[in-house]
Amino acid sequence: QVQLVESGGGLVQAGGSLRLSCVASTKIFSNNNIGWYRQAPGKQRERVAGITSDDDTYYSDSVQGRFTISRDNAKNTVYLQMNSLKPEDTAVYYCSCETFWGQGTQVTVSS
């Protein structure tokens, strides 16, 4: 059974930065696409960033230019560097690969 574990969330002031990590229990990241998603209270889960097995990246319009997704296959880890954070970035952030999801990490941005 594959397990994904996110970490790195927390409370930060607007304009600050956080780096989220997602570690997989297997080498599932090596040849698959990976996504970072978020879900704010009362809202649907949305994809904010993705990276393909060929390292092509995707960003939603709301985070383009502020967030960066990257991967380290040797460490079975994918990262989400989040800069210039805004209060509207407050959400639980999840990583996903194939049909597997992590438990999420809370990001709270204060104004």
C-alpha atoms as a PDB file:
ATOM      1  CA  GLN A   1       0.000   0.000   0.000  1.00  0.00           C
ATOM      2  CA  VAL A   2       1.365   3.375  -1.014  1.00  0.00           C
ATOM      3  CA  GLN A   3       1.399   6.102   1.605  1.00  0.00           C
ATOM      4  CA  LEU A   4       1.873   9.792   0.899  1.00  0.00           C
ATOM      5  CA  VAL A   5       2.762  12.063   3.791  1.00  0.00           C
ATOM      6  CA  GLU A   6       2.674  15.835   3.487  1.00  0.00           C
ATOM      7  CA  SER A   7       4.476  18.216   5.810  1.00  0.00           C
ATOM      8  CA  GLY A   8       5.625  21.814   5.979  1.00  0.00           C
ATOM      9  CA  GLY A   9       2.349  23.594   6.519  1.00  0.00           C
ATOM     10  CA  GLY A  10       1.831  26.196   9.178  1.00  0.00           C
ATOM     11  CA  LEU A  11       0.838  29.750   9.974  1.00  0.00           C
ATOM     12  CA  VAL A  12       2.538  32.520   8.026  1.00  0.00           C
ATOM     13  CA  GLN A  13       1.915  36.202   7.433  1.00  0.00           C
ATOM     14  CA  ALA A  14       0.854  37.465   4.046  1.00  0.00           C
ATOM     15  CA  GLY A  15       3.882  37.860   1.813  1.00  0.00           C
ATOM     16  CA  GLY A  16       5.710  35.019   3.507  1.00  0.00           C
ATOM     17  CA  SER A  17       6.849  31.669   2.201  1.00  0.00           C
ATOM     18  CA  LEU A  18       6.444  27.998   2.995  1.00  0.00           C
ATOM     19  CA  ARG A  19       7.795  24.845   1.431  1.00  0.00           C
ATOM     20  CA  LEU A  20       5.581  21.797   1.493  1.00  0.00           C
ATOM     21  CA  SER A  21       6.966  18.291   1.133  1.00  0.00           C
ATOM     22  CA  CYS A  22       5.244  15.073   0.202  1.00  0.00           C
ATOM     23  CA  VAL A  23       7.093  11.835   0.811  1.00  0.00           C
ATOM     24  CA  ALA A  24       5.982   8.553  -0.728  1.00  0.00           C
ATOM     25  CA  SER A  25       6.519   5.165   0.876  1.00  0.00           C
ATOM     26  CA  THR A  26       7.447   3.678  -2.498  1.00  0.00           C
ATOM     27  CA  LYS A  27       9.081   4.875  -5.718  1.00  0.00           C
ATOM     28  CA  ILE A  28       5.691   5.724  -7.168  1.00  0.00           C
ATOM     29  CA  PHE A  29       6.764   9.268  -8.024  1.00  0.00           C
ATOM     30  CA  SER A  30       9.524   8.152 -10.367  1.00  0.00           C
ATOM     31  CA  ASN A  31       7.409   7.432 -13.429  1.00  0.00           C
ATOM     32  CA  ASN A  32       4.141   9.158 -12.683  1.00  0.00           C
ATOM     33  CA  ASN A  33       2.512  12.545 -12.705  1.00  0.00           C
ATOM     34  CA  ILE A  34       2.064  14.199  -9.329  1.00  0.00           C
ATOM     35  CA  GLY A  35      -0.301  16.915  -8.262  1.00  0.00           C
ATOM     36  CA  TRP A  36      -0.666  19.356  -5.418  1.00  0.00           C
ATOM     37  CA  TYR A  37      -4.226  20.235  -4.529  1.00  0.00           C
ATOM     38  CA  ARG A  38      -5.854  22.410  -1.924  1.00  0.00           C
ATOM     39  CA  GLN A  39      -9.225  22.670  -0.290  1.00  0.00           C
ATOM     40  CA  ALA A  40     -10.412  25.706   1.588  1.00  0.00           C
ATOM     41  CA  PRO A  41     -13.388  25.570   3.976  1.00  0.00           C
ATOM     42  CA  GLY A  42     -16.632  25.456   2.058  1.00  0.00           C
ATOM     43  CA  LYS A  43     -14.893  25.144  -1.301  1.00  0.00           C
ATOM     44  CA  GLN A  44     -14.163  22.333  -3.685  1.00  0.00           C
ATOM     45  CA  ARG A  45     -10.740  20.784  -3.868  1.00  0.00           C
ATOM     46  CA  GLU A  46      -8.710  22.369  -6.658  1.00  0.00           C
ATOM     47  CA  ARG A  47      -5.461  21.443  -8.329  1.00  0.00           C
ATOM     48  CA  VAL A  48      -2.852  24.153  -7.915  1.00  0.00           C
ATOM     49  CA  ALA A  49       0.247  22.540  -9.399  1.00  0.00           C
ATOM     50  CA  GLY A  50       1.345  19.421 -11.197  1.00  0.00           C
ATOM     51  CA  ILE A  51       4.500  17.829 -12.516  1.00  0.00           C
ATOM     52  CA  THR A  52       4.716  15.104 -15.109  1.00  0.00           C
ATOM     53  CA  SER A  53       7.108  12.200 -15.306  1.00  0.00           C
ATOM     54  CA  ASP A  54       9.009  14.299 -17.857  1.00  0.00           C
ATOM     55  CA  ASP A  55       9.151  17.223 -15.413  1.00  0.00           C
ATOM     56  CA  ASP A  56       6.680  19.367 -17.306  1.00  0.00           C
ATOM     57  CA  THR A  57       4.857  21.562 -14.836  1.00  0.00           C
ATOM     58  CA  TYR A  58       1.395  23.012 -14.505  1.00  0.00           C
ATOM     59  CA  TYR A  59       0.125  25.836 -12.325  1.00  0.00           C
ATOM     60  CA  SER A  60      -3.316  27.226 -11.779  1.00  0.00           C
ATOM     61  CA  ASP A  61      -3.787  30.879 -12.612  1.00  0.00           C
ATOM     62  CA  SER A  62      -4.177  31.703  -8.936  1.00  0.00           C
ATOM     63  CA  VAL A  63      -0.649  30.526  -8.045  1.00  0.00           C
ATOM     64  CA  GLN A  64       1.251  30.999 -11.301  1.00  0.00           C
ATOM     65  CA  GLY A  65       4.456  32.913 -10.655  1.00  0.00           C
ATOM     66  CA  ARG A  66       4.320  32.373  -6.891  1.00  0.00           C
ATOM     67  CA  PHE A  67       4.418  28.583  -6.432  1.00  0.00           C
ATOM     68  CA  THR A  68       6.987  26.131  -7.755  1.00  0.00           C
ATOM     69  CA  ILE A  69       6.611  22.360  -7.870  1.00  0.00           C
ATOM     70  CA  SER A  70       9.643  20.113  -7.997  1.00  0.00           C
ATOM     71  CA  ARG A  71      10.558  16.516  -7.380  1.00  0.00           C
ATOM     72  CA  ASP A  72      13.466  14.493  -6.029  1.00  0.00           C
ATOM     73  CA  ASN A  73      12.990  10.936  -7.198  1.00  0.00           C
ATOM     74  CA  ALA A  74      15.966   9.694  -5.177  1.00  0.00           C
ATOM     75  CA  LYS A  75      14.161  10.833  -2.015  1.00  0.00           C
ATOM     76  CA  ASN A  76      10.677   9.820  -3.194  1.00  0.00           C
ATOM     77  CA  THR A  77       9.686  13.409  -2.473  1.00  0.00           C
ATOM     78  CA  VAL A  78       7.814  16.177  -4.234  1.00  0.00           C
ATOM     79  CA  TYR A  79       7.926  19.772  -3.066  1.00  0.00           C
ATOM     80  CA  LEU A  80       5.747  22.837  -3.371  1.00  0.00           C
ATOM     81  CA  GLN A  81       7.595  26.085  -2.782  1.00  0.00           C
ATOM     82  CA  MET A  82       5.061  28.786  -2.003  1.00  0.00           C
ATOM     83  CA  ASN A  83       6.133  32.423  -2.079  1.00  0.00           C
ATOM     84  CA  SER A  84       4.265  35.701  -1.737  1.00  0.00           C
ATOM     85  CA  LEU A  85       1.515  33.938   0.133  1.00  0.00           C
ATOM     86  CA  LYS A  86      -1.908  35.536   0.341  1.00  0.00           C
ATOM     87  CA  PRO A  87      -4.763  34.995   2.796  1.00  0.00           C
ATOM     88  CA  GLU A  88      -6.714  33.330  -0.015  1.00  0.00           C
ATOM     89  CA  ASP A  89      -4.043  30.614  -0.142  1.00  0.00           C
ATOM     90  CA  THR A  90      -5.308  29.381   3.222  1.00  0.00           C
ATOM     91  CA  ALA A  91      -6.369  25.763   2.792  1.00  0.00           C
ATOM     92  CA  VAL A  92      -5.459  22.173   3.464  1.00  0.00           C
ATOM     93  CA  TYR A  93      -2.897  21.119   0.871  1.00  0.00           C
ATOM     94  CA  TYR A  94      -2.743  17.575  -0.463  1.00  0.00           C
ATOM     95  CA  CYS A  95      -0.433  15.725  -2.806  1.00  0.00           C
ATOM     96  CA  SER A  96      -1.702  12.994  -5.064  1.00  0.00           C
ATOM     97  CA  CYS A  97      -0.226  10.401  -7.385  1.00  0.00           C
ATOM     98  CA  GLU A  98      -2.263   7.870  -9.341  1.00  0.00           C
ATOM     99  CA  THR A  99      -5.166   7.080  -7.008  1.00  0.00           C
ATOM    100  CA  PHE A 100      -3.284   7.814  -3.814  1.00  0.00           C
ATOM    101  CA  TRP A 101      -3.705  10.856  -1.579  1.00  0.00           C
ATOM    102  CA  GLY A 102      -1.945  12.137   1.473  1.00  0.00           C
ATOM    103  CA  GLN A 103      -3.696  13.259   4.623  1.00  0.00           C
ATOM    104  CA  GLY A 104      -3.054  16.922   3.942  1.00  0.00           C
ATOM    105  CA  THR A 105      -1.201  19.728   5.668  1.00  0.00           C
ATOM    106  CA  GLN A 106      -2.824  22.954   6.828  1.00  0.00           C
ATOM    107  CA  VAL A 107      -1.586  26.268   5.475  1.00  0.00           C
ATOM    108  CA  THR A 108      -2.917  29.408   7.100  1.00  0.00           C
ATOM    109  CA  VAL A 109      -1.962  32.844   5.821  1.00  0.00           C
ATOM    110  CA  SER A 110      -2.807  35.787   8.043  1.00  0.00           C
ATOM    111  CA  SER A 111      -3.412  39.261   6.704  1.00  0.00           C
END
